[in-house]
C-alpha atoms as a PDB file:
ATOM      1  CA  MET A   1     -93.342 -21.743 -79.417  1.00  0.00           C
ATOM      2  CA  SER A   2     -95.397 -20.289 -82.225  1.00  0.00           C
ATOM      3  CA  ASN A   3     -98.993 -20.108 -82.220  1.00  0.00           C
ATOM      4  CA  PHE A   4    -100.611 -21.169 -85.595  1.00  0.00           C
ATOM      5  CA  VAL A   5    -103.918 -19.962 -86.846  1.00  0.00           C
ATOM      6  CA  LYS A   6    -106.078 -21.851 -89.510  1.00  0.00           C
ATOM      7  CA  VAL A   7    -106.275 -19.504 -92.577  1.00  0.00           C
ATOM      8  CA  ALA A   8    -107.428 -21.575 -95.459  1.00  0.00           C
ATOM      9  CA  LYS A   9    -108.142 -25.226 -96.761  1.00  0.00           C
ATOM     10  CA  LYS A  10    -105.637 -26.781 -99.397  1.00  0.00           C
ATOM     11  CA  SER A  11    -108.543 -27.042-101.783  1.00  0.00           C
ATOM     12  CA  GLU A  12    -108.998 -23.330-101.763  1.00  0.00           C
ATOM     13  CA  LEU A  13    -105.517 -22.424-103.339  1.00  0.00           C
ATOM     14  CA  SER A  14    -104.631 -23.800-106.620  1.00  0.00           C
ATOM     15  CA  SER A  15    -100.906 -24.524-107.469  1.00  0.00           C
ATOM     16  CA  GLY A  16     -99.118 -21.539-108.833  1.00  0.00           C
ATOM     17  CA  CYS A  17    -101.482 -19.088-107.239  1.00  0.00           C
ATOM     18  CA  GLY A  18    -101.621 -17.021-104.243  1.00  0.00           C
ATOM     19  CA  ILE A  19    -104.338 -15.454-101.909  1.00  0.00           C
ATOM     20  CA  LYS A  20    -104.451 -12.871 -99.035  1.00  0.00           C
ATOM     21  CA  VAL A  21    -105.131 -13.872 -95.602  1.00  0.00           C
ATOM     22  CA  GLU A  22    -105.010 -12.166 -92.264  1.00  0.00           C
ATOM     23  CA  VAL A  23    -103.213 -13.335 -89.068  1.00  0.00           C
ATOM     24  CA  GLY A  24    -102.867 -11.280 -85.972  1.00  0.00           C
ATOM     25  CA  GLY A  25    -103.951  -8.230 -87.817  1.00  0.00           C
ATOM     26  CA  LYS A  26    -101.416  -8.611 -90.540  1.00  0.00           C
ATOM     27  CA  GLU A  27    -102.110  -9.111 -94.235  1.00  0.00           C
ATOM     28  CA  ILE A  28    -100.107 -12.172 -95.366  1.00  0.00           C
ATOM     29  CA  ALA A  29     -99.882 -13.515 -98.993  1.00  0.00           C
ATOM     30  CA  LEU A  30    -100.159 -17.364 -98.986  1.00  0.00           C
ATOM     31  CA  PHE A  31     -98.983 -19.286-101.996  1.00  0.00           C
ATOM     32  CA  ASN A  32     -99.145 -22.749-103.282  1.00  0.00           C
ATOM     33  CA  ILE A  33     -96.025 -23.854-105.315  1.00  0.00           C
ATOM     34  CA  ASP A  34     -96.562 -27.512-106.373  1.00  0.00           C
ATOM     35  CA  GLY A  35     -98.194 -28.510-103.471  1.00  0.00           C
ATOM     36  CA  ASN A  36     -95.998 -26.599-100.804  1.00  0.00           C
ATOM     37  CA  PHE A  37     -97.229 -23.698 -99.152  1.00  0.00           C
ATOM     38  CA  TYR A  38     -95.338 -20.619 -98.319  1.00  0.00           C
ATOM     39  CA  ALA A  39     -96.484 -17.137 -96.653  1.00  0.00           C
ATOM     40  CA  ILE A  40     -94.723 -13.877 -96.776  1.00  0.00           C
ATOM     41  CA  ASP A  41     -95.831 -10.256 -96.192  1.00  0.00           C
ATOM     42  CA  ASP A  42     -98.601  -9.293 -98.689  1.00  0.00           C
ATOM     43  CA  THR A  43     -97.414  -5.733 -99.079  1.00  0.00           C
ATOM     44  CA  CYS A  44     -94.678  -4.907-101.597  1.00  0.00           C
ATOM     45  CA  GLN A  45     -91.878  -2.748-100.079  1.00  0.00           C
ATOM     46  CA  HIS A  46     -91.744  -0.488-103.281  1.00  0.00           C
ATOM     47  CA  GLN A  47     -95.179   1.136-103.249  1.00  0.00           C
ATOM     48  CA  GLY A  48     -97.431  -1.103-101.407  1.00  0.00           C
ATOM     49  CA  GLY A  49     -98.808  -3.354-104.074  1.00  0.00           C
ATOM     50  CA  PRO A  50    -100.860  -6.559-103.086  1.00  0.00           C
ATOM     51  CA  LEU A  51     -98.350  -9.493-103.814  1.00  0.00           C
ATOM     52  CA  SER A  52    -101.199 -12.006-103.217  1.00  0.00           C
ATOM     53  CA  GLU A  53    -102.569 -10.579-106.536  1.00  0.00           C
ATOM     54  CA  GLY A  54     -99.364 -10.941-108.448  1.00  0.00           C
ATOM     55  CA  ALA A  55     -98.455 -13.580-111.174  1.00  0.00           C
ATOM     56  CA  VAL A  56     -96.443 -16.366-109.674  1.00  0.00           C
ATOM     57  CA  GLU A  57     -93.726 -18.267-111.997  1.00  0.00           C
ATOM     58  CA  ASN A  58     -91.897 -21.132-110.320  1.00  0.00           C
ATOM     59  CA  LYS A  59     -91.317 -19.558-106.861  1.00  0.00           C
ATOM     60  CA  VAL A  60     -91.288 -16.103-107.798  1.00  0.00           C
ATOM     61  CA  VAL A  61     -94.153 -13.737-107.242  1.00  0.00           C
ATOM     62  CA  THR A  62     -94.274 -10.487-109.388  1.00  0.00           C
ATOM     63  CA  CYS A  63     -95.988  -7.375-107.890  1.00  0.00           C
ATOM     64  CA  PRO A  64     -98.967  -6.281-110.166  1.00  0.00           C
ATOM     65  CA  TRP A  65     -98.341  -2.788-109.532  1.00  0.00           C
ATOM     66  CA  HIS A  66     -94.744  -2.266-110.579  1.00  0.00           C
ATOM     67  CA  GLY A  67     -93.002  -5.570-111.501  1.00  0.00           C
ATOM     68  CA  TRP A  68     -90.849  -6.129-108.211  1.00  0.00           C
ATOM     69  CA  GLU A  69     -90.090  -9.757-107.872  1.00  0.00           C
ATOM     70  CA  TYR A  70     -90.030 -11.869-104.576  1.00  0.00           C
ATOM     71  CA  ASP A  71     -88.940 -15.366-103.969  1.00  0.00           C
ATOM     72  CA  VAL A  72     -92.009 -16.794-102.196  1.00  0.00           C
ATOM     73  CA  THR A  73     -90.028 -19.430-100.274  1.00  0.00           C
ATOM     74  CA  ASN A  74     -87.932 -16.972 -98.120  1.00  0.00           C
ATOM     75  CA  GLY A  75     -89.246 -13.411 -98.823  1.00  0.00           C
ATOM     76  CA  ALA A  76     -86.047 -12.303-100.735  1.00  0.00           C
ATOM     77  CA  CYS A  77     -86.532  -9.533-103.182  1.00  0.00           C
ATOM     78  CA  LEU A  78     -84.897 -10.180-106.371  1.00  0.00           C
ATOM     79  CA  THR A  79     -85.332  -6.662-107.709  1.00  0.00           C
ATOM     80  CA  ASN A  80     -83.913  -4.935-104.518  1.00  0.00           C
ATOM     81  CA  PRO A  81     -82.013  -7.211-102.402  1.00  0.00           C
ATOM     82  CA  ALA A  82     -82.405  -4.624 -99.438  1.00  0.00           C
ATOM     83  CA  ALA A  83     -86.145  -5.130 -99.506  1.00  0.00           C
ATOM     84  CA  GLN A  84     -86.779  -8.341 -97.633  1.00  0.00           C
ATOM     85  CA  GLN A  85     -90.317  -9.523 -96.925  1.00  0.00           C
ATOM     86  CA  ASN A  86     -91.245 -11.217 -93.628  1.00  0.00           C
ATOM     87  CA  LYS A  87     -91.599 -14.892 -93.885  1.00  0.00           C
ATOM     88  CA  TYR A  88     -94.147 -16.983 -91.917  1.00  0.00           C
ATOM     89  CA  GLU A  89     -93.953 -20.615 -90.940  1.00  0.00           C
ATOM     90  CA  VAL A  90     -96.748 -22.707 -92.609  1.00  0.00           C
ATOM     91  CA  LYS A  91     -98.103 -26.007 -91.273  1.00  0.00           C
ATOM     92  CA  ILE A  92    -100.632 -28.477 -92.897  1.00  0.00           C
ATOM     93  CA  GLU A  93    -103.100 -30.445 -90.656  1.00  0.00           C
ATOM     94  CA  GLY A  94    -105.157 -32.542 -92.774  1.00  0.00           C
ATOM     95  CA  GLU A  95    -106.815 -30.195 -95.357  1.00  0.00           C
ATOM     96  CA  ASP A  96    -106.333 -27.077 -93.168  1.00  0.00           C
ATOM     97  CA  ILE A  97    -103.528 -24.526 -93.874  1.00  0.00           C
ATOM     98  CA  LEU A  98    -102.196 -22.884 -90.665  1.00  0.00           C
ATOM     99  CA  ILE A  99     -99.760 -19.900 -90.512  1.00  0.00           C
ATOM    100  CA  SER A 100     -97.799 -19.015 -87.424  1.00  0.00           C
ATOM    101  CA  ALA A 101     -99.134 -16.075 -85.519  1.00  0.00           C
END
């Protein structure tokens, strides 16, 4: 069974945006896509760019450093299919957003 850690409130994350949170010493990018929340590793596998700072369109985040694209719902890299991001389970409790640790 996963342990969940509170990382943010729903009101802190507008739709179509991402933020960086830390869970268990890991930097994780948390995204709001039309009221659904998704979490993947924040560090781009290309050259370490911060995915939480990338532009989000539909369910795809683009790394701000070199343009690699990732599906925020499952961590799949659209630019290089061999570069899979870890995906984390997200749970909502009232206004709180929790991520599996």
